[in-house]
Amino acid sequence: MRKWMTILALSAAMTAAFTMVGHHGFAQSAPAGDPNAAPNPYREDAGWAKLMKGRKWGAVSAVDIDRDGRSVWVFDRCETADDCSWTANLNPIQKFDATGKLVASFGRGMFNYPHGIYVDAQNNLWVSDGRAKNNGKGHTVMKFSPDGRLLLTMGTPGVPGNDATHFNAPSDILLAPDGSIFIADGHGGETNARMVKFDKDGKFLKSWGKKGTGPGDFDAPHGLAMDSTGRLFVADRGNSRIQIFDQEGKFLVEWRQFGRPSGIHITKDDIIYVADSNSSEKINPPFKQGIRVGSVKDGKVTAYIPWAETNTLEGVAVDAAGNVYGGFTNTLNFRRFVKK
């Protein structure tokens, strides 16, 4: 009798353990050891990107890779930390080829607070403008052709809200393989804290989430990525975690082992790169800032690019050759990292 009771208890424990594991992902918390101890196989390729003569970087919160796998799109804030409304002369959307040469730029006079960028399967650019300035701009997601033609505006320019036709500080955009549009709507504080889903034509389908700390709640949903199985990864920065959902908004699992995430990039072979711009001795210790690398198949951190400057490394993207690109906000810069 005792033998059967032991077997039943072990079976129940195993069932409970597997119940806690999300589809293709473990419900991992912060690692017991040093979360900053993974090796760094990269070095900075200083000065790779060549800006237009006389131009300086603004804060770069968003980076993505062109569909050619080699060129890089950068969204910056017009030589400032947080404001493009002051100038009609600087293009915040810039494209660099594989050698770092500037080959395209556009968007002058169209944005207040550049934030998120996503390159879709047709090489169209989706970008978010996260703040209003009493100038009829902001709180929008805009779609551009690769040559800079405005194709679509989502949201009501200059007007915040929390319904099907308004955003409040939209942070990032992602398109699923079927064309469905996902928008991370919110940037902390008194802004929104939700995910919004539209169909491929921009018709509102659903939203989920509210400000909080529980499963499916958000505090600054800051970045988005999708793995090869179609799981949606949300950088829930204010809660120091990545939340993973199916495409209908069902919560699957949360990960905390990648630090306090601002940006996420997942490659075709399911390697995940996470930019941590906020961790410190007071916020999310013992994590330090930088880019952590791992696999979405097991959630293990295998590499770490440390960065000592404070509150800065937000955007992250990786090209087909494995070069890593970082967008820096408070320190107004953009950098490339290559294998040592």
Foldseek 3Di string as FASTA:
>chain_A
DVVVVVVVVVVVVVVVLVLQQFDLEHQAEADPDQLFPFAAQKDFPPPQADDDPPFAFAFWQAKEDFPVLQKIWTFGARNYQFFLQVWQPDFRIWIAGNRNYTDATDDGNAATGWAEWDQDPQRKIWTAHFAADPPQAHQWIWIAHPRGHTDDIAAGGRDADDDLGGAHRWHYWDAFPQQKIKIQGDAADPGFWKIWIDHNVSHGDDMFEGDDQDFRHAGGQHEWEAAPVQWIWTQRQVNQWIWIDHPVSHTGHIYNSFTRFRYWYADNQAKIKGFHQADDPVRGPPDAGFIWIDGSSYNDTNHTDGDHDHRFFHYWYAGPVGKIKTGTRPVRDIIIMDGD
